C-alpha cells in the first residue's frame, strides 16, 4: 500500500520559515486526499491541514491559518507544507497522512514523522 516519507524538518528560530515535503509511493497518489498532523510532547496528535486529490479544496487548523500553506504536485507524488512565521508552539513532530476519502478524524495511512523545533 501507499508509503509516506517526510523530510525537511529541523531547528529554526521564531519568525523563520520551513518547508516540509512528503513523498508518496505508488502511481495512484492523485486519488488520495492528503494531510498534515502534528504532535507536541505530552499532547494528542492534532490536525494541521488537508488538501483534496486535485488540490482544489484546502482546509487548515485555526492555529496555522494565514501562516501555513499546503500544496501538492501529483506529477512528483509529493505534498508540501510551507510554514511561515513559525512560533515556539509550532514545535512538534509533523506527520504526513493519506486517505481515500478524508484524513479526519483518523487517516488510513501515516508517515513516520519529521521533527520541527522552533526556538524563541
Protein backbone atom coordinates (compact mmCIF):
# COMPACT_ATOMS: atom_id res chain seq x y z
CA UNK A 1 0.00 0.00 0.00
CA UNK A 2 0.99 3.65 -0.08
CA UNK A 3 4.14 4.58 1.84
CA UNK A 4 4.76 8.13 3.03
CA UNK A 5 8.18 9.64 3.82
CA UNK A 6 8.50 13.12 5.32
CA UNK A 7 11.54 15.38 5.06
CA UNK A 8 12.53 18.99 5.67
CA UNK A 9 12.19 19.23 9.43
CA UNK A 10 14.81 20.92 11.57
CA UNK A 11 15.67 23.60 14.11
CA UNK A 12 14.72 27.21 13.35
CA UNK A 13 14.15 30.45 15.22
CA UNK A 14 10.78 32.09 15.85
CA UNK A 15 9.69 34.05 12.79
CA UNK A 16 11.59 31.82 10.37
CA UNK A 17 10.17 29.62 7.61
CA UNK A 18 10.43 25.93 6.87
CA UNK A 19 9.12 23.72 4.07
CA UNK A 20 8.18 20.11 4.73
CA UNK A 21 7.86 17.52 1.97
CA UNK A 22 6.07 14.18 1.92
CA UNK A 23 6.96 11.73 -0.83
CA UNK A 24 4.41 9.00 -1.53
CA UNK A 25 4.92 5.69 -3.27
CA UNK A 26 2.68 4.34 -6.00
CA UNK A 27 1.11 5.69 -9.16
CA UNK A 28 -2.30 6.28 -7.54
CA UNK A 29 -1.14 9.28 -5.48
CA UNK A 30 -3.58 11.58 -7.27
CA UNK A 31 -6.53 9.55 -5.93
CA UNK A 32 -5.66 10.25 -2.26
CA UNK A 33 -6.74 13.08 -0.02
CA UNK A 34 -3.55 14.21 1.76
CA UNK A 35 -2.92 16.00 5.01
CA UNK A 36 -0.56 17.01 7.78
CA UNK A 37 -0.87 16.38 11.52
CA UNK A 38 1.45 17.24 14.38
CA UNK A 39 2.12 16.01 17.89
CA UNK A 40 3.87 18.04 20.59
CA UNK A 41 5.43 16.38 23.66
CA UNK A 42 2.75 15.27 26.11
CA UNK A 43 -0.10 16.24 23.77
CA UNK A 44 -2.52 14.47 21.45
CA UNK A 45 -1.84 14.34 17.74
CA UNK A 46 -3.71 17.22 16.08
CA UNK A 47 -4.86 18.11 12.59
CA UNK A 48 -2.90 20.82 10.74
CA UNK A 49 -4.01 20.91 7.08
CA UNK A 50 -5.56 18.86 4.29
CA UNK A 51 -5.74 19.06 0.50
CA UNK A 52 -8.07 17.31 -1.93
CA UNK A 53 -6.97 14.97 -4.72
CA UNK A 54 -6.64 17.70 -7.34
CA UNK A 55 -5.59 20.43 -4.92
CA UNK A 56 -8.79 22.44 -5.27
CA UNK A 57 -10.14 22.05 -1.73
CA UNK A 58 -7.92 23.02 1.20
CA UNK A 59 -8.55 23.34 4.92
CA UNK A 60 -6.39 24.41 7.89
CA UNK A 61 -6.49 24.31 11.63
CA UNK A 62 -7.26 27.74 13.09
CA UNK A 63 -3.87 27.80 14.80
CA UNK A 64 -1.99 27.84 11.47
CA UNK A 65 -4.32 29.79 9.16
CA UNK A 66 -2.51 32.63 7.42
CA UNK A 67 0.90 31.16 8.22
CA UNK A 68 0.98 27.66 6.70
CA UNK A 69 0.27 26.62 3.11
CA UNK A 70 -0.39 23.07 1.96
CA UNK A 71 0.14 22.13 -1.69
CA UNK A 72 0.70 19.06 -3.83
CA UNK A 73 2.45 18.09 -7.04
CA UNK A 74 0.80 14.93 -8.33
CA UNK A 75 3.41 14.53 -11.07
CA UNK A 76 6.04 14.19 -8.32
CA UNK A 77 3.86 12.20 -5.88
CA UNK A 78 4.62 14.84 -3.26
CA UNK A 79 2.68 17.00 -0.81
CA UNK A 80 4.24 20.06 0.83
CA UNK A 81 3.69 22.17 3.92
CA UNK A 82 5.14 25.67 3.72
CA UNK A 83 5.41 27.05 7.26
CA UNK A 84 5.98 30.79 7.69
CA UNK A 85 6.18 32.99 10.78
CA UNK A 86 6.94 29.97 12.93
CA UNK A 87 6.24 30.14 16.65
CA UNK A 88 7.64 28.08 19.54
CA UNK A 89 4.20 26.49 19.93
CA UNK A 90 4.61 25.01 16.43
CA UNK A 91 7.30 22.72 17.84
CA UNK A 92 6.17 19.14 17.24
CA UNK A 93 6.69 16.01 15.21
CA UNK A 94 4.89 16.57 11.91
CA UNK A 95 3.22 13.61 10.21
CA UNK A 96 2.09 13.22 6.63
CA UNK A 97 -1.25 11.45 6.16
CA UNK A 98 -3.25 9.93 3.30
CA UNK A 99 -6.76 8.57 2.89
CA UNK A 100 -9.10 7.57 0.08
CA UNK A 101 -11.84 9.92 1.31
CA UNK A 102 -10.92 12.11 4.32
CA UNK A 103 -7.91 12.34 6.64
CA UNK A 104 -10.09 13.40 9.61
CA UNK A 105 -10.65 12.18 12.17
CA UNK A 106 -8.19 9.34 11.51
CA UNK A 107 -6.36 8.83 8.20
CA UNK A 108 -5.79 5.39 6.72
CA UNK A 109 -2.02 5.89 6.24
CA UNK A 110 0.69 7.72 8.21
CA UNK A 111 4.27 8.72 7.52
CA UNK A 112 6.96 8.23 10.16
CA UNK A 113 7.15 11.91 11.11
CA UNK A 114 9.75 14.67 11.00
CA UNK A 115 10.78 16.87 13.92
CA UNK A 116 10.24 20.63 13.78
CA UNK A 117 11.73 22.69 16.62
CA UNK A 118 11.18 26.45 16.88
CA UNK A 119 13.33 28.32 19.39
CA UNK A 120 12.37 31.66 20.95
